[in-house]
Amino acid sequence: MIGILIIAHAPLASALRECALHVFPDCALGVMAVDVLPDDSPENTLAQARQAMAELGSSQVLLLSDVFGATPCNVAQQLNDGLKTRLVAGANLPMLLRSVCYRHETLEALAARALAGGTQGVMPVGSTAPQNQTGKRHASSRNDHQQ
């Protein structure tokens, strides 16, 4: 399976990982996060990212970063060789969930799925009733999760 490493401004990387584990608890070993703190040097962040990649234990890794051109993405670019790694910037939860679901595909296909998941997850939402909802109020203790 392809490993997934999220490198993003703190606390986004860890928060995205936690959200993925909420939906897919069995993906814990295949998804790592490196939060870049405001005072961290790029060299320190690179060392943390290399350690996280080693902990993944995967021969191929999909790198996800939050903002192109910012320190997390610049560090990820230093890890990205284009053969054993692919980098997609603009990480969001739909991108990560799509990536987790298709980790069995090739690295090239997984990068394409991540990009599609991220872009398809961004859409305008009108003021009508939510999809698949009847408009009825639910008790606050009820667990209704939609994906």
N, C-alpha and C. Protein backbone atom coordinates (compact mmCIF):
# COMPACT_ATOMS: atom_id res chain seq x y z
N MET A 1 0.84 -1.19 0.00
CA MET A 1 0.00 0.00 0.00
C MET A 1 0.88 1.24 0.00
N ILE A 2 0.38 2.26 -0.65
CA ILE A 2 1.07 3.53 -0.70
C ILE A 2 0.83 4.28 0.60
N GLY A 3 1.91 4.84 1.14
CA GLY A 3 1.79 5.66 2.34
C GLY A 3 1.37 7.07 1.98
N ILE A 4 0.78 7.76 2.94
CA ILE A 4 0.36 9.15 2.75
C ILE A 4 0.99 9.99 3.84
N LEU A 5 1.69 11.04 3.45
CA LEU A 5 2.31 11.95 4.39
C LEU A 5 1.76 13.35 4.16
N ILE A 6 1.14 13.91 5.20
CA ILE A 6 0.59 15.26 5.14
C ILE A 6 1.59 16.19 5.82
N ILE A 7 2.03 17.21 5.10
CA ILE A 7 2.92 18.22 5.66
C ILE A 7 2.21 19.56 5.50
N ALA A 8 1.85 20.17 6.63
CA ALA A 8 1.05 21.40 6.57
C ALA A 8 1.31 22.26 7.81
N HIS A 9 0.85 23.50 7.72
CA HIS A 9 0.95 24.42 8.85
C HIS A 9 0.20 23.83 10.04
N ALA A 10 0.79 23.95 11.23
CA ALA A 10 0.16 23.44 12.46
C ALA A 10 -1.12 24.20 12.74
N PRO A 11 -2.15 23.52 13.14
CA PRO A 11 -2.31 22.09 13.43
C PRO A 11 -2.99 21.33 12.29
N LEU A 12 -2.96 21.88 11.08
CA LEU A 12 -3.75 21.32 9.98
C LEU A 12 -3.38 19.88 9.64
N ALA A 13 -2.09 19.56 9.56
CA ALA A 13 -1.69 18.20 9.17
C ALA A 13 -2.27 17.17 10.14
N SER A 14 -2.09 17.41 11.44
CA SER A 14 -2.62 16.47 12.44
C SER A 14 -4.14 16.44 12.44
N ALA A 15 -4.76 17.59 12.24
CA ALA A 15 -6.22 17.65 12.21
C ALA A 15 -6.78 16.85 11.03
N LEU A 16 -6.16 16.98 9.86
CA LEU A 16 -6.61 16.21 8.70
C LEU A 16 -6.45 14.71 8.95
N ARG A 17 -5.32 14.33 9.53
CA ARG A 17 -5.10 12.91 9.84
C ARG A 17 -6.16 12.41 10.81
N GLU A 18 -6.45 13.18 11.84
CA GLU A 18 -7.46 12.77 12.82
C GLU A 18 -8.84 12.62 12.17
N CYS A 19 -9.17 13.51 11.25
CA CYS A 19 -10.44 13.40 10.53
C CYS A 19 -10.48 12.14 9.69
N ALA A 20 -9.38 11.83 9.03
CA ALA A 20 -9.31 10.60 8.23
C ALA A 20 -9.49 9.38 9.11
N LEU A 21 -8.88 9.39 10.30
CA LEU A 21 -9.01 8.27 11.22
C LEU A 21 -10.43 8.16 11.79
N HIS A 22 -11.11 9.27 11.87
CA HIS A 22 -12.51 9.25 12.30
C HIS A 22 -13.37 8.46 11.32
N VAL A 23 -13.10 8.66 10.04
CA VAL A 23 -13.88 8.00 8.99
C VAL A 23 -13.34 6.60 8.69
N PHE A 24 -12.02 6.47 8.65
CA PHE A 24 -11.36 5.19 8.34
C PHE A 24 -10.36 4.86 9.44
N PRO A 25 -10.81 4.35 10.58
CA PRO A 25 -9.90 4.11 11.70
C PRO A 25 -8.77 3.11 11.39
N ASP A 26 -8.97 2.26 10.41
CA ASP A 26 -7.96 1.27 10.07
C ASP A 26 -6.80 1.82 9.23
N CYS A 27 -6.82 3.11 8.90
CA CYS A 27 -5.76 3.68 8.05
C CYS A 27 -4.64 4.31 8.87
N ALA A 28 -4.64 4.15 10.19
CA ALA A 28 -3.69 4.84 11.06
C ALA A 28 -2.23 4.60 10.68
N LEU A 29 -1.87 3.39 10.34
CA LEU A 29 -0.47 3.10 10.04
C LEU A 29 -0.03 3.64 8.68
N GLY A 30 -0.98 3.92 7.81
CA GLY A 30 -0.63 4.36 6.46
C GLY A 30 -0.69 5.84 6.23
N VAL A 31 -1.07 6.61 7.25
CA VAL A 31 -1.18 8.07 7.10
C VAL A 31 -0.42 8.73 8.24
N MET A 32 0.54 9.56 7.89
CA MET A 32 1.34 10.29 8.88
C MET A 32 1.15 11.79 8.65
N ALA A 33 1.43 12.57 9.70
CA ALA A 33 1.28 14.01 9.62
C ALA A 33 2.49 14.70 10.22
N VAL A 34 2.90 15.78 9.58
CA VAL A 34 3.96 16.65 10.11
C VAL A 34 3.38 18.05 10.15
N ASP A 35 3.21 18.56 11.38
CA ASP A 35 2.74 19.93 11.57
C ASP A 35 3.94 20.86 11.60
N VAL A 36 3.90 21.89 10.77
CA VAL A 36 4.98 22.86 10.71
C VAL A 36 4.63 24.03 11.62
N LEU A 37 5.41 24.18 12.67
CA LEU A 37 5.20 25.26 13.64
C LEU A 37 5.81 26.56 13.12
N PRO A 38 5.29 27.71 13.58
CA PRO A 38 5.78 29.00 13.07
C PRO A 38 7.28 29.21 13.23
N ASP A 39 7.87 28.69 14.30
CA ASP A 39 9.29 28.93 14.56
C ASP A 39 10.20 27.80 14.08
N ASP A 40 9.62 26.75 13.49
CA ASP A 40 10.44 25.64 13.00
C ASP A 40 11.25 26.06 11.78
N SER A 41 12.49 25.63 11.75
CA SER A 41 13.32 25.89 10.57
C SER A 41 12.95 24.88 9.49
N PRO A 42 13.16 25.25 8.23
CA PRO A 42 12.91 24.28 7.15
C PRO A 42 13.74 23.01 7.32
N GLU A 43 14.96 23.13 7.84
CA GLU A 43 15.83 21.97 8.04
C GLU A 43 15.23 21.02 9.08
N ASN A 44 14.70 21.57 10.17
CA ASN A 44 14.07 20.76 11.20
C ASN A 44 12.82 20.08 10.65
N THR A 45 12.03 20.83 9.90
CA THR A 45 10.82 20.26 9.30
C THR A 45 11.16 19.15 8.33
N LEU A 46 12.21 19.34 7.55
CA LEU A 46 12.65 18.31 6.61
C LEU A 46 13.07 17.04 7.35
N ALA A 47 13.77 17.20 8.46
CA ALA A 47 14.19 16.04 9.26
C ALA A 47 12.96 15.31 9.82
N GLN A 48 11.97 16.06 10.30
CA GLN A 48 10.75 15.45 10.82
C GLN A 48 10.00 14.71 9.70
N ALA A 49 9.96 15.30 8.53
CA ALA A 49 9.26 14.69 7.41
C ALA A 49 9.97 13.41 6.96
N ARG A 50 11.28 13.43 6.94
CA ARG A 50 12.03 12.21 6.57
C ARG A 50 11.78 11.10 7.59
N GLN A 51 11.73 11.47 8.86
CA GLN A 51 11.44 10.48 9.91
C GLN A 51 10.04 9.90 9.72
N ALA A 52 9.07 10.76 9.43
CA ALA A 52 7.69 10.30 9.21
C ALA A 52 7.61 9.36 8.01
N MET A 53 8.34 9.69 6.95
CA MET A 53 8.36 8.81 5.77
C MET A 53 8.93 7.45 6.12
N ALA A 54 9.99 7.44 6.92
CA ALA A 54 10.59 6.17 7.34
C ALA A 54 9.61 5.36 8.19
N GLU A 55 8.86 6.03 9.05
CA GLU A 55 7.89 5.34 9.89
C GLU A 55 6.74 4.75 9.07
N LEU A 56 6.43 5.37 7.94
CA LEU A 56 5.38 4.82 7.07
C LEU A 56 5.78 3.44 6.56
N GLY A 57 7.07 3.25 6.29
CA GLY A 57 7.54 1.96 5.82
C GLY A 57 7.03 1.57 4.45
N SER A 58 6.62 2.54 3.65
CA SER A 58 6.10 2.28 2.31
C SER A 58 7.16 2.56 1.26
N SER A 59 7.16 1.79 0.21
CA SER A 59 8.12 2.05 -0.87
C SER A 59 7.69 3.25 -1.72
N GLN A 60 6.40 3.61 -1.65
CA GLN A 60 5.89 4.78 -2.37
C GLN A 60 5.04 5.62 -1.42
N VAL A 61 5.15 6.95 -1.59
CA VAL A 61 4.45 7.86 -0.68
C VAL A 61 3.79 8.98 -1.47
N LEU A 62 2.53 9.23 -1.15
CA LEU A 62 1.83 10.40 -1.66
C LEU A 62 2.02 11.51 -0.63
N LEU A 63 2.58 12.63 -1.06
CA LEU A 63 2.80 13.78 -0.20
C LEU A 63 1.68 14.77 -0.43
N LEU A 64 1.05 15.21 0.66
CA LEU A 64 0.00 16.22 0.57
C LEU A 64 0.45 17.43 1.38
N SER A 65 0.34 18.61 0.79
CA SER A 65 0.73 19.84 1.47
C SER A 65 -0.38 20.85 1.33
N ASP A 66 -0.39 21.84 2.23
CA ASP A 66 -1.51 22.77 2.25
C ASP A 66 -1.40 23.90 1.23
N VAL A 67 -0.32 24.67 1.23
CA VAL A 67 -0.24 25.86 0.38
C VAL A 67 1.01 25.80 -0.50
N PHE A 68 0.82 25.83 -1.79
CA PHE A 68 1.96 25.84 -2.71
C PHE A 68 2.81 27.08 -2.45
N GLY A 69 4.11 26.89 -2.36
CA GLY A 69 5.04 27.99 -2.17
C GLY A 69 5.36 28.30 -0.72
N ALA A 70 4.61 27.75 0.22
CA ALA A 70 4.87 27.96 1.64
C ALA A 70 5.86 26.89 2.14
N THR A 71 6.37 27.09 3.34
CA THR A 71 7.38 26.19 3.89
C THR A 71 6.99 24.72 3.85
N PRO A 72 5.78 24.33 4.27
CA PRO A 72 5.44 22.90 4.21
C PRO A 72 5.56 22.31 2.79
N CYS A 73 5.11 23.05 1.82
CA CYS A 73 5.19 22.56 0.44
C CYS A 73 6.63 22.56 -0.06
N ASN A 74 7.39 23.57 0.33
CA ASN A 74 8.80 23.61 -0.07
C ASN A 74 9.56 22.42 0.50
N VAL A 75 9.27 22.06 1.74
CA VAL A 75 9.89 20.88 2.35
C VAL A 75 9.45 19.63 1.61
N ALA A 76 8.17 19.51 1.33
CA ALA A 76 7.65 18.35 0.60
C ALA A 76 8.30 18.23 -0.78
N GLN A 77 8.56 19.37 -1.42
CA GLN A 77 9.21 19.34 -2.73
C GLN A 77 10.61 18.74 -2.63
N GLN A 78 11.28 18.95 -1.51
CA GLN A 78 12.61 18.37 -1.34
C GLN A 78 12.55 16.84 -1.19
N LEU A 79 11.41 16.34 -0.75
CA LEU A 79 11.22 14.89 -0.61
C LEU A 79 10.70 14.25 -1.90
N ASN A 80 10.14 15.05 -2.76
CA ASN A 80 9.46 14.55 -3.96
C ASN A 80 10.45 14.25 -5.07
N ASP A 81 10.63 12.97 -5.35
CA ASP A 81 11.54 12.58 -6.44
C ASP A 81 10.81 12.28 -7.73
N GLY A 82 9.48 12.22 -7.71
CA GLY A 82 8.71 11.95 -8.92
C GLY A 82 8.66 10.48 -9.31
N LEU A 83 9.42 9.65 -8.62
CA LEU A 83 9.41 8.21 -8.90
C LEU A 83 8.72 7.44 -7.77
N LYS A 84 9.23 7.62 -6.56
CA LYS A 84 8.67 6.94 -5.39
C LYS A 84 7.72 7.84 -4.62
N THR A 85 7.64 9.08 -5.02
CA THR A 85 6.75 10.04 -4.35
C THR A 85 6.05 10.91 -5.38
N ARG A 86 4.87 11.39 -5.00
CA ARG A 86 4.15 12.41 -5.78
C ARG A 86 3.67 13.42 -4.76
N LEU A 87 3.62 14.68 -5.17
CA LEU A 87 3.21 15.77 -4.29
C LEU A 87 2.00 16.48 -4.87
N VAL A 88 0.99 16.67 -4.03
CA VAL A 88 -0.19 17.43 -4.41
C VAL A 88 -0.37 18.52 -3.34
N ALA A 89 -0.42 19.77 -3.76
CA ALA A 89 -0.62 20.89 -2.84
C ALA A 89 -2.10 21.27 -2.81
N GLY A 90 -2.48 21.98 -1.76
CA GLY A 90 -3.87 22.40 -1.59
C GLY A 90 -4.68 21.37 -0.83
N ALA A 91 -4.04 20.66 0.09
CA ALA A 91 -4.69 19.56 0.81
C ALA A 91 -5.98 20.00 1.50
N ASN A 92 -6.98 19.16 1.37
CA ASN A 92 -8.24 19.34 2.09
C ASN A 92 -8.78 17.96 2.46
N LEU A 93 -9.82 17.93 3.25
CA LEU A 93 -10.33 16.64 3.72
C LEU A 93 -10.87 15.75 2.60
N PRO A 94 -11.64 16.27 1.63
CA PRO A 94 -12.08 15.39 0.55
C PRO A 94 -10.90 14.76 -0.21
N MET A 95 -9.83 15.53 -0.39
CA MET A 95 -8.63 15.00 -1.06
C MET A 95 -8.04 13.85 -0.25
N LEU A 96 -7.92 14.04 1.04
CA LEU A 96 -7.32 13.01 1.89
C LEU A 96 -8.20 11.76 1.94
N LEU A 97 -9.50 11.93 2.10
CA LEU A 97 -10.39 10.76 2.15
C LEU A 97 -10.34 9.98 0.85
N ARG A 98 -10.33 10.67 -0.26
CA ARG A 98 -10.21 9.99 -1.56
C ARG A 98 -8.88 9.23 -1.63
N SER A 99 -7.83 9.85 -1.15
CA SER A 99 -6.51 9.21 -1.18
C SER A 99 -6.48 7.95 -0.33
N VAL A 100 -7.07 8.01 0.84
CA VAL A 100 -7.09 6.84 1.72
C VAL A 100 -7.85 5.69 1.06
N CYS A 101 -8.93 6.00 0.38
CA CYS A 101 -9.74 4.96 -0.26
C CYS A 101 -9.05 4.26 -1.42
N TYR A 102 -8.12 4.93 -2.07
CA TYR A 102 -7.51 4.37 -3.29
C TYR A 102 -6.01 4.11 -3.14
N ARG A 103 -5.54 3.88 -1.90
CA ARG A 103 -4.12 3.64 -1.67
C ARG A 103 -3.60 2.38 -2.37
N HIS A 104 -4.47 1.50 -2.81
CA HIS A 104 -4.08 0.26 -3.48
C HIS A 104 -3.73 0.49 -4.95
N GLU A 105 -4.07 1.65 -5.50
CA GLU A 105 -3.79 1.92 -6.92
C GLU A 105 -2.33 2.34 -7.10
N THR A 106 -1.93 2.60 -8.34
CA THR A 106 -0.57 3.06 -8.59
C THR A 106 -0.39 4.46 -8.02
N LEU A 107 0.84 4.85 -7.81
CA LEU A 107 1.13 6.17 -7.26
C LEU A 107 0.62 7.28 -8.18
N GLU A 108 0.79 7.10 -9.46
CA GLU A 108 0.30 8.08 -10.44
C GLU A 108 -1.22 8.21 -10.38
N ALA A 109 -1.90 7.07 -10.32
CA ALA A 109 -3.37 7.08 -10.25
C ALA A 109 -3.84 7.68 -8.92
N LEU A 110 -3.12 7.38 -7.84
CA LEU A 110 -3.50 7.92 -6.54
C LEU A 110 -3.36 9.44 -6.50
N ALA A 111 -2.29 9.96 -7.09
CA ALA A 111 -2.11 11.42 -7.16
C ALA A 111 -3.26 12.06 -7.95
N ALA A 112 -3.66 11.42 -9.03
CA ALA A 112 -4.78 11.93 -9.83
C ALA A 112 -6.08 11.86 -9.04
N ARG A 113 -6.29 10.79 -8.29
CA ARG A 113 -7.50 10.67 -7.45
C ARG A 113 -7.51 11.75 -6.36
N ALA A 114 -6.35 12.00 -5.77
CA ALA A 114 -6.26 13.03 -4.73
C ALA A 114 -6.65 14.39 -5.30
N LEU A 115 -6.11 14.71 -6.45
CA LEU A 115 -6.41 15.99 -7.09
C LEU A 115 -7.90 16.10 -7.41
N ALA A 116 -8.46 15.02 -7.96
CA ALA A 116 -9.89 15.03 -8.29
C ALA A 116 -10.74 15.15 -7.02
N GLY A 117 -10.39 14.42 -5.98
CA GLY A 117 -11.14 14.50 -4.74
C GLY A 117 -11.11 15.89 -4.13
N GLY A 118 -9.94 16.52 -4.19
CA GLY A 118 -9.81 17.87 -3.65
C GLY A 118 -10.61 18.89 -4.41
N THR A 119 -10.58 18.82 -5.73
CA THR A 119 -11.31 19.81 -6.52
C THR A 119 -12.81 19.55 -6.53
N GLN A 120 -13.21 18.28 -6.57
CA GLN A 120 -14.63 17.95 -6.56
C GLN A 120 -15.28 18.20 -5.21
N GLY A 121 -14.46 18.29 -4.16
CA GLY A 121 -14.97 18.55 -2.83
C GLY A 121 -15.24 20.02 -2.56
N VAL A 122 -14.85 20.88 -3.49
CA VAL A 122 -15.08 22.32 -3.34
C VAL A 122 -16.22 22.70 -4.26
N MET A 123 -17.32 23.20 -3.68
CA MET A 123 -18.49 23.54 -4.49
C MET A 123 -19.34 24.57 -3.76
N PRO A 124 -20.06 25.37 -4.50
CA PRO A 124 -20.99 26.29 -3.84
C PRO A 124 -22.18 25.51 -3.29
N VAL A 125 -22.70 25.95 -2.17
CA VAL A 125 -23.84 25.29 -1.55
C VAL A 125 -24.95 26.31 -1.37
N GLY A 126 -26.13 25.98 -1.89
CA GLY A 126 -27.27 26.88 -1.80
C GLY A 126 -27.90 26.85 -0.42
N SER A 127 -28.96 27.59 -0.27
CA SER A 127 -29.63 27.70 1.02
C SER A 127 -30.81 26.75 1.15
N THR A 128 -30.93 25.77 0.25
CA THR A 128 -32.02 24.80 0.34
C THR A 128 -31.69 23.75 1.39
N ALA A 129 -32.64 22.87 1.68
CA ALA A 129 -32.43 21.82 2.68
C ALA A 129 -31.27 20.94 2.25
N PRO A 130 -30.46 20.47 3.19
CA PRO A 130 -29.34 19.59 2.86
C PRO A 130 -29.79 18.36 2.09
N GLN A 131 -28.90 17.87 1.23
CA GLN A 131 -29.19 16.69 0.42
C GLN A 131 -29.53 15.51 1.31
N ASN A 132 -30.48 14.73 0.90
CA ASN A 132 -30.91 13.52 1.59
C ASN A 132 -31.49 13.81 2.98
N GLN A 133 -31.97 15.00 3.20
CA GLN A 133 -32.58 15.35 4.48
C GLN A 133 -34.05 15.69 4.25
N THR A 134 -34.87 15.38 5.19
CA THR A 134 -36.30 15.65 5.06
C THR A 134 -36.69 16.97 5.69
N GLY A 135 -35.76 17.60 6.37
CA GLY A 135 -36.07 18.85 7.04
C GLY A 135 -36.50 18.65 8.48
N LYS A 136 -36.64 17.38 8.91
CA LYS A 136 -37.00 17.09 10.28
C LYS A 136 -35.81 17.33 11.20
N ARG A 137 -36.09 17.77 12.39
CA ARG A 137 -35.05 17.96 13.40
C ARG A 137 -34.79 16.63 14.09
N HIS A 138 -33.52 16.35 14.31
CA HIS A 138 -33.13 15.13 14.99
C HIS A 138 -32.74 15.45 16.42
N ALA A 139 -32.90 14.49 17.29
CA ALA A 139 -32.42 14.65 18.66
C ALA A 139 -30.91 14.80 18.63
N SER A 140 -30.37 15.63 19.50
CA SER A 140 -28.94 15.90 19.48
C SER A 140 -28.10 14.67 19.78
N SER A 141 -28.67 13.64 20.38
CA SER A 141 -27.91 12.44 20.70
C SER A 141 -27.81 11.47 19.51
N ARG A 142 -28.55 11.73 18.47
CA ARG A 142 -28.58 10.84 17.32
C ARG A 142 -27.34 11.06 16.46
N ASN A 143 -26.74 9.99 15.98
CA ASN A 143 -25.54 10.08 15.16
C ASN A 143 -25.88 9.88 13.70
N ASP A 144 -26.06 10.96 12.99
CA ASP A 144 -26.31 10.89 11.55
C ASP A 144 -25.10 11.44 10.83
N HIS A 145 -24.34 10.54 10.19
CA HIS A 145 -23.15 10.96 9.47
C HIS A 145 -23.38 10.72 7.99
N GLN A 146 -23.05 11.71 7.20
CA GLN A 146 -23.15 11.56 5.75
C GLN A 146 -21.78 11.77 5.15
N GLN A 147 -21.48 11.02 4.12
CA GLN A 147 -20.21 11.17 3.40
C GLN A 147 -20.49 11.59 1.99
